[in-house]
Amino acid sequence: MFLTIFLFAVGFVLLIKGADMLVDGAGGLARRFGISEIVIGLTIVAFGTSMPELIVNILASVNDNTEIAVGNIIGSNVANVLLILGIAAVIYPLSVKRNTTYKEIPFALLSALVIVFLGADELVNNAPDSILSRGDGLTLLGFFCIFMYYIFSIAKDDASLKKSEELLLPFNKIWLFILLGISGLVIGGKFIVDGAVAIATASGVSQSLIGLTVVAIGTSLPELATSAVAAYKKNTDIAIGNVVGSNIFNSFWILGISSVIRPLPLLNRNNGDLMLNVLVSALLFLFLFIGKKHMLERWQGVAFIVMYACYLIYLIHLG
């Protein structure tokens, strides 16, 4: 138990330092190539901070812990919007680019809706059980390819932008910071998740609850650390792009791979969580037109955090 607690503490240190290095490296990369920070946030940063979810889901699918695989992704996506964007907005109000408002955030909403549709076997096909089959997994991966095509197209447009003269980091340091940052996030996230799961399992709670709470929050810690640091440094594009990109990666890439490895059953108690995933994505879009347009203000961040606290209380009460 002492070793578990020690690694848990080390994990937090690696997580915070990794986030700091990743934000600095990603910002330097954007300035070096004249690419907008939102593109970097939607790709390199989002992929790096989604690594813990990817690792946990692959291991969960291989080991037939399918409830954790589903709960991890849905819980992480809800935590990303309500908890992480909530905290980031409280630290510093997040201005959101027009493209992100009208294209990337709706794409994240689409990813939540696609999961609901693909998992509605009982409703659509009168099947005895709902399941994300291997065919559904390939469909999710197909959507992910469309998203990546879109990202490459806007990155190509950004390449024509004037490069910043303020090159804070040389190439070797940029890539070193990105690699070390991602490594710190992945290793730190694993230490924290392993310790948290061990404690939760010893308490005798269900796999689904562990996936939706402990594992989801644990694997979302890289996103939390990265977006919080980015907000503190006023890199709002990286803060918002990290969350939106991570949700799209989680839904289309990670859940797609997981269901291709092993079909994932969706339990009746997952229906409410799936619909909440849709609701929070829609709410994020709606909030950008309430108050200051295209801005996530501090009061909205507080509202997100309160909603997430209520959701956790509900899950724990449900058991």
Protein backbone atom coordinates (compact mmCIF):
# COMPACT_ATOMS: atom_id res chain seq x y z
CA MET A 1 0.00 0.00 0.00
CA PHE A 2 2.91 2.38 0.75
CA LEU A 3 4.32 1.76 -2.74
CA THR A 4 0.89 2.40 -4.28
CA ILE A 5 0.55 5.73 -2.47
CA PHE A 6 4.15 6.69 -3.38
CA LEU A 7 3.62 5.96 -7.10
CA PHE A 8 0.29 7.82 -6.89
CA ALA A 9 2.14 10.94 -5.68
CA VAL A 10 4.93 10.52 -8.26
CA GLY A 11 2.24 10.24 -10.93
CA PHE A 12 0.89 13.69 -10.09
CA VAL A 13 4.38 15.21 -10.32
CA LEU A 14 4.99 13.60 -13.73
CA LEU A 15 1.55 14.68 -14.88
CA ILE A 16 1.97 18.36 -14.06
CA LYS A 17 5.52 18.58 -15.41
CA GLY A 18 4.57 16.64 -18.53
CA ALA A 19 1.67 19.00 -19.19
CA ASP A 20 3.91 22.04 -18.80
CA MET A 21 6.49 20.66 -21.26
CA LEU A 22 3.84 19.56 -23.77
CA VAL A 23 2.18 22.98 -23.84
CA ASP A 24 5.54 24.75 -24.31
CA GLY A 25 6.60 22.30 -27.03
CA ALA A 26 3.26 22.43 -28.85
CA GLY A 27 3.18 26.24 -28.76
CA GLY A 28 6.76 26.36 -30.09
CA LEU A 29 5.87 23.94 -32.88
CA ALA A 30 2.87 26.04 -33.91
CA ARG A 31 4.97 29.21 -34.08
CA ARG A 32 7.84 27.48 -35.89
CA PHE A 33 5.66 26.21 -38.77
CA GLY A 34 3.15 29.05 -38.85
CA ILE A 35 0.35 26.62 -37.94
CA SER A 36 -2.42 27.78 -35.64
CA GLU A 37 -2.33 26.55 -32.06
CA ILE A 38 -5.87 25.16 -32.41
CA VAL A 39 -4.61 22.67 -35.05
CA ILE A 40 -1.75 21.63 -32.76
CA GLY A 41 -4.21 21.32 -29.87
CA LEU A 42 -6.60 19.18 -31.94
CA THR A 43 -3.83 16.81 -33.06
CA ILE A 44 -0.49 16.48 -31.22
CA VAL A 45 -1.74 17.68 -27.83
CA ALA A 46 -5.07 15.80 -28.07
CA PHE A 47 -3.33 12.59 -29.16
CA GLY A 48 -0.73 12.87 -26.41
CA THR A 49 -3.25 13.49 -23.63
CA SER A 50 -5.50 10.68 -24.95
CA MET A 51 -2.72 8.09 -24.65
CA PRO A 52 -3.83 6.93 -21.15
CA GLU A 53 -7.37 6.28 -22.45
CA LEU A 54 -5.92 4.37 -25.40
CA ILE A 55 -3.68 2.21 -23.19
CA VAL A 56 -6.41 1.53 -20.60
CA ASN A 57 -8.99 0.65 -23.28
CA ILE A 58 -6.72 -1.69 -25.23
CA LEU A 59 -5.79 -3.54 -22.03
CA ALA A 60 -9.42 -3.60 -20.89
CA SER A 61 -10.60 -4.99 -24.25
CA VAL A 62 -7.87 -7.64 -24.40
CA ASN A 63 -8.63 -8.70 -20.80
CA ASP A 64 -12.40 -8.72 -21.44
CA ASN A 65 -13.04 -5.87 -18.98
CA THR A 66 -15.51 -4.37 -21.45
CA GLU A 67 -17.47 -2.35 -18.88
CA ILE A 68 -14.30 -0.41 -18.01
CA ALA A 69 -13.55 0.14 -21.72
CA VAL A 70 -16.96 1.74 -22.36
CA GLY A 71 -17.18 3.59 -19.05
CA ASN A 72 -13.68 5.01 -19.45
CA ILE A 73 -14.45 6.69 -22.79
CA ILE A 74 -17.91 8.02 -21.92
CA GLY A 75 -16.81 9.12 -18.47
CA SER A 76 -13.66 10.77 -19.86
CA ASN A 77 -15.62 12.72 -22.47
CA VAL A 78 -18.07 14.01 -19.86
CA ALA A 79 -15.18 14.91 -17.53
CA ASN A 80 -13.32 16.65 -20.37
CA VAL A 81 -16.15 19.11 -20.98
CA LEU A 82 -17.65 19.62 -17.53
CA LEU A 83 -14.60 19.28 -15.27
CA ILE A 84 -11.61 20.18 -17.44
CA LEU A 85 -13.06 22.99 -19.54
CA GLY A 86 -14.84 24.18 -16.40
CA ILE A 87 -11.55 24.49 -14.48
CA ALA A 88 -9.72 25.97 -17.48
CA ALA A 89 -12.43 28.62 -17.96
CA VAL A 90 -12.30 29.55 -14.27
CA ILE A 91 -8.51 30.00 -14.52
CA TYR A 92 -8.82 32.17 -17.64
CA PRO A 93 -11.88 32.82 -19.87
CA LEU A 94 -11.52 30.82 -23.09
CA SER A 95 -12.07 32.59 -26.40
CA VAL A 96 -13.09 30.12 -29.10
CA LYS A 97 -12.29 30.60 -32.79
CA ARG A 98 -15.16 30.67 -35.30
CA ASN A 99 -13.95 27.47 -37.00
CA THR A 100 -13.88 25.64 -33.67
CA THR A 101 -17.36 26.89 -32.77
CA TYR A 102 -19.03 25.91 -36.03
CA LYS A 103 -16.97 22.87 -37.12
CA GLU A 104 -14.84 21.13 -34.48
CA ILE A 105 -17.29 21.33 -31.54
CA PRO A 106 -20.21 20.12 -33.73
CA PHE A 107 -17.92 17.27 -34.87
CA ALA A 108 -17.43 16.33 -31.21
CA LEU A 109 -21.22 16.42 -30.79
CA LEU A 110 -21.54 14.19 -33.87
CA SER A 111 -19.15 11.67 -32.30
CA ALA A 112 -21.40 11.42 -29.23
CA LEU A 113 -24.51 10.98 -31.40
CA VAL A 114 -22.85 8.28 -33.55
CA ILE A 115 -22.06 6.20 -30.44
CA VAL A 116 -25.71 6.43 -29.33
CA PHE A 117 -26.93 5.42 -32.81
CA LEU A 118 -24.50 2.51 -33.22
CA GLY A 119 -25.31 1.26 -29.73
CA ALA A 120 -29.10 1.40 -30.18
CA ASP A 121 -29.43 -2.25 -31.31
CA GLU A 122 -32.35 -2.94 -28.95
CA LEU A 123 -34.28 0.08 -30.22
CA VAL A 124 -33.42 -0.05 -33.95
CA ASN A 125 -33.01 -3.78 -34.67
CA ASN A 126 -35.06 -5.27 -31.83
CA ALA A 127 -31.91 -7.13 -30.79
CA PRO A 128 -31.84 -8.75 -27.33
CA ASP A 129 -28.74 -6.75 -26.36
CA SER A 130 -27.03 -3.54 -27.44
CA ILE A 131 -23.42 -3.93 -28.51
CA LEU A 132 -20.68 -2.02 -30.30
CA SER A 133 -19.66 -4.69 -32.80
CA ARG A 134 -16.47 -4.92 -34.86
CA GLY A 135 -18.42 -3.43 -37.77
CA ASP A 136 -19.42 -0.51 -35.55
CA GLY A 137 -15.76 -0.13 -34.59
CA LEU A 138 -14.76 0.13 -38.25
CA THR A 139 -17.50 2.74 -38.75
CA LEU A 140 -16.06 4.80 -35.88
CA LEU A 141 -12.58 4.53 -37.39
CA GLY A 142 -14.01 5.70 -40.73
CA PHE A 143 -15.35 8.85 -39.07
CA PHE A 144 -11.93 9.36 -37.50
CA CYS A 145 -10.32 9.28 -40.97
CA ILE A 146 -12.77 12.00 -42.09
CA PHE A 147 -11.81 14.13 -39.09
CA MET A 148 -8.09 13.72 -39.80
CA TYR A 149 -8.65 14.69 -43.46
CA TYR A 150 -10.37 17.85 -42.24
CA ILE A 151 -7.50 18.64 -39.84
CA PHE A 152 -4.87 18.18 -42.56
CA SER A 153 -6.85 20.47 -44.87
CA ILE A 154 -6.98 23.33 -42.36
CA ALA A 155 -3.32 22.75 -41.43
CA LYS A 156 -2.45 23.14 -45.12
CA ASP A 157 -4.35 26.43 -45.20
CA ASP A 158 -2.52 27.57 -42.05
CA ALA A 159 0.83 26.85 -43.67
CA SER A 160 0.34 29.96 -45.81
CA LEU A 161 0.18 32.11 -42.67
CA LYS A 162 3.17 34.25 -41.78
CA LYS A 163 5.47 32.48 -39.37
CA SER A 164 6.13 34.16 -36.07
CA GLU A 165 9.50 35.83 -35.79
CA GLU A 166 9.53 34.98 -32.10
CA LEU A 167 10.94 31.45 -32.16
CA LEU A 168 11.22 30.66 -28.49
CA LEU A 169 12.52 27.11 -28.93
CA PRO A 170 14.86 25.46 -31.45
CA PHE A 171 13.68 22.28 -33.21
CA ASN A 172 15.53 19.83 -30.95
CA LYS A 173 14.03 21.36 -27.81
CA ILE A 174 10.54 21.52 -29.33
CA TRP A 175 10.48 17.77 -30.08
CA LEU A 176 12.24 16.93 -26.81
CA PHE A 177 9.60 18.87 -24.86
CA ILE A 178 6.75 17.21 -26.77
CA LEU A 179 8.13 13.67 -26.34
CA LEU A 180 9.04 14.16 -22.68
CA GLY A 181 5.70 15.85 -22.05
CA ILE A 182 3.68 13.02 -23.57
CA SER A 183 5.83 10.44 -21.74
CA GLY A 184 5.26 12.22 -18.43
CA LEU A 185 1.51 12.38 -19.05
CA VAL A 186 1.24 8.69 -19.98
CA ILE A 187 3.44 7.35 -17.16
CA GLY A 188 1.99 9.73 -14.58
CA GLY A 189 -1.56 8.91 -15.67
CA LYS A 190 -0.85 5.18 -15.42
CA PHE A 191 0.57 5.48 -11.89
CA ILE A 192 -2.48 7.44 -10.77
CA VAL A 193 -5.01 5.14 -12.46
CA ASP A 194 -3.37 1.95 -11.18
CA GLY A 195 -3.37 3.26 -7.63
CA ALA A 196 -6.93 4.55 -7.83
CA VAL A 197 -8.30 1.34 -9.38
CA ALA A 198 -6.56 -0.78 -6.72
CA ILE A 199 -8.19 1.27 -3.96
CA ALA A 200 -11.61 1.31 -5.66
CA THR A 201 -11.54 -2.43 -6.40
CA ALA A 202 -10.69 -3.15 -2.77
CA SER A 203 -13.87 -1.25 -1.89
CA GLY A 204 -15.96 -3.70 -3.93
CA VAL A 205 -17.62 -1.31 -6.43
CA SER A 206 -18.67 -2.31 -9.97
CA GLN A 207 -16.45 -2.19 -13.07
CA SER A 208 -18.87 0.23 -14.72
CA LEU A 209 -18.73 2.68 -11.81
CA ILE A 210 -14.93 2.40 -11.66
CA GLY A 211 -14.76 3.09 -15.41
CA LEU A 212 -17.10 6.08 -15.28
CA THR A 213 -15.46 7.70 -12.26
CA VAL A 214 -12.00 6.60 -11.07
CA VAL A 215 -10.58 5.45 -14.42
CA ALA A 216 -12.31 8.21 -16.41
CA ILE A 217 -11.03 10.97 -14.14
CA GLY A 218 -7.60 9.31 -13.87
CA THR A 219 -7.12 9.00 -17.63
CA SER A 220 -8.45 12.56 -18.07
CA LEU A 221 -5.83 14.00 -15.74
CA PRO A 222 -3.43 14.66 -18.65
CA GLU A 223 -6.15 16.71 -20.38
CA LEU A 224 -6.86 18.48 -17.09
CA ALA A 225 -3.21 19.31 -16.45
CA THR A 226 -2.59 20.37 -20.06
CA SER A 227 -5.70 22.56 -20.42
CA ALA A 228 -5.22 24.11 -16.97
CA VAL A 229 -1.59 24.98 -17.73
CA ALA A 230 -2.55 26.25 -21.21
CA ALA A 231 -5.28 28.46 -19.70
CA TYR A 232 -2.85 29.78 -17.08
CA LYS A 233 -0.40 30.65 -19.89
CA LYS A 234 -3.31 32.16 -21.86
CA ASN A 235 -2.89 29.62 -24.71
CA THR A 236 -6.66 29.33 -25.01
CA ASP A 237 -6.57 27.61 -28.42
CA ILE A 238 -4.53 24.74 -26.98
CA ALA A 239 -6.81 24.56 -23.91
CA ILE A 240 -10.01 24.22 -25.96
CA GLY A 241 -8.46 22.26 -28.83
CA ASN A 242 -7.04 19.70 -26.41
CA VAL A 243 -10.48 18.90 -24.97
CA VAL A 244 -12.44 18.94 -28.23
CA GLY A 245 -9.74 16.91 -30.02
CA SER A 246 -9.49 14.44 -27.13
CA ASN A 247 -13.24 13.80 -27.17
CA ILE A 248 -13.15 13.12 -30.91
CA PHE A 249 -10.07 10.88 -30.53
CA ASN A 250 -11.73 9.03 -27.64
CA SER A 251 -15.00 8.40 -29.46
CA PHE A 252 -13.84 7.61 -32.99
CA TRP A 253 -10.25 6.36 -32.60
CA ILE A 254 -10.02 4.71 -29.16
CA LEU A 255 -13.57 3.31 -28.92
CA GLY A 256 -13.25 2.21 -32.55
CA ILE A 257 -10.04 0.27 -31.88
CA SER A 258 -11.46 -1.17 -28.63
CA SER A 259 -14.60 -2.55 -30.29
CA VAL A 260 -12.58 -3.99 -33.19
CA ILE A 261 -10.40 -5.87 -30.67
CA ARG A 262 -13.47 -7.13 -28.77
CA PRO A 263 -17.17 -6.20 -29.28
CA LEU A 264 -18.31 -4.02 -26.38
CA PRO A 265 -21.70 -4.68 -24.76
CA LEU A 266 -23.68 -1.61 -23.71
CA LEU A 267 -25.65 -2.14 -20.52
CA ASN A 268 -29.02 -0.50 -19.86
CA ARG A 269 -27.41 1.62 -17.15
CA ASN A 270 -25.05 3.05 -19.81
CA ASN A 271 -27.95 4.68 -21.69
CA GLY A 272 -28.13 7.67 -19.34
CA ASP A 273 -24.36 8.20 -19.57
CA LEU A 274 -24.45 8.03 -23.39
CA MET A 275 -27.20 10.65 -23.49
CA LEU A 276 -25.32 12.84 -21.00
CA ASN A 277 -22.30 12.67 -23.32
CA VAL A 278 -24.51 14.10 -26.09
CA LEU A 279 -26.00 16.70 -23.75
CA VAL A 280 -22.69 18.13 -22.50
CA SER A 281 -21.37 18.46 -26.07
CA ALA A 282 -24.55 20.29 -27.07
CA LEU A 283 -24.31 22.45 -23.94
CA LEU A 284 -20.72 23.44 -24.79
CA PHE A 285 -21.91 24.64 -28.21
CA LEU A 286 -24.88 26.49 -26.67
CA PHE A 287 -22.76 28.22 -24.01
CA LEU A 288 -20.70 29.90 -26.73
CA PHE A 289 -23.79 31.95 -27.67
CA ILE A 290 -24.80 32.87 -24.11
CA GLY A 291 -23.10 35.94 -22.64
CA LYS A 292 -20.03 36.92 -24.65
CA LYS A 293 -20.23 35.26 -28.07
CA HIS A 294 -17.58 32.62 -28.81
CA MET A 295 -16.31 32.87 -25.23
CA LEU A 296 -16.44 30.40 -22.34
CA GLU A 297 -16.61 32.69 -19.32
CA ARG A 298 -15.73 32.04 -15.68
CA TRP A 299 -19.36 31.71 -14.55
CA GLN A 300 -19.94 29.11 -17.25
CA GLY A 301 -16.86 27.24 -16.06
CA VAL A 302 -18.30 27.23 -12.53
CA ALA A 303 -21.62 25.95 -13.89
CA PHE A 304 -19.80 23.09 -15.66
CA ILE A 305 -17.94 22.12 -12.46
CA VAL A 306 -21.18 22.12 -10.41
CA MET A 307 -22.86 19.93 -13.03
CA TYR A 308 -19.97 17.46 -12.89
CA ALA A 309 -20.11 17.33 -9.07
CA CYS A 310 -23.84 16.52 -9.30
CA TYR A 311 -23.11 13.81 -11.88
CA LEU A 312 -20.52 12.19 -9.61
CA ILE A 313 -22.90 12.25 -6.64
CA TYR A 314 -25.56 10.60 -8.84
CA LEU A 315 -23.16 7.86 -9.99
CA ILE A 316 -21.95 7.12 -6.47
CA HIS A 317 -25.54 7.03 -5.17
CA LEU A 318 -26.49 4.69 -8.03
CA GLY A 319 -23.61 2.42 -6.98
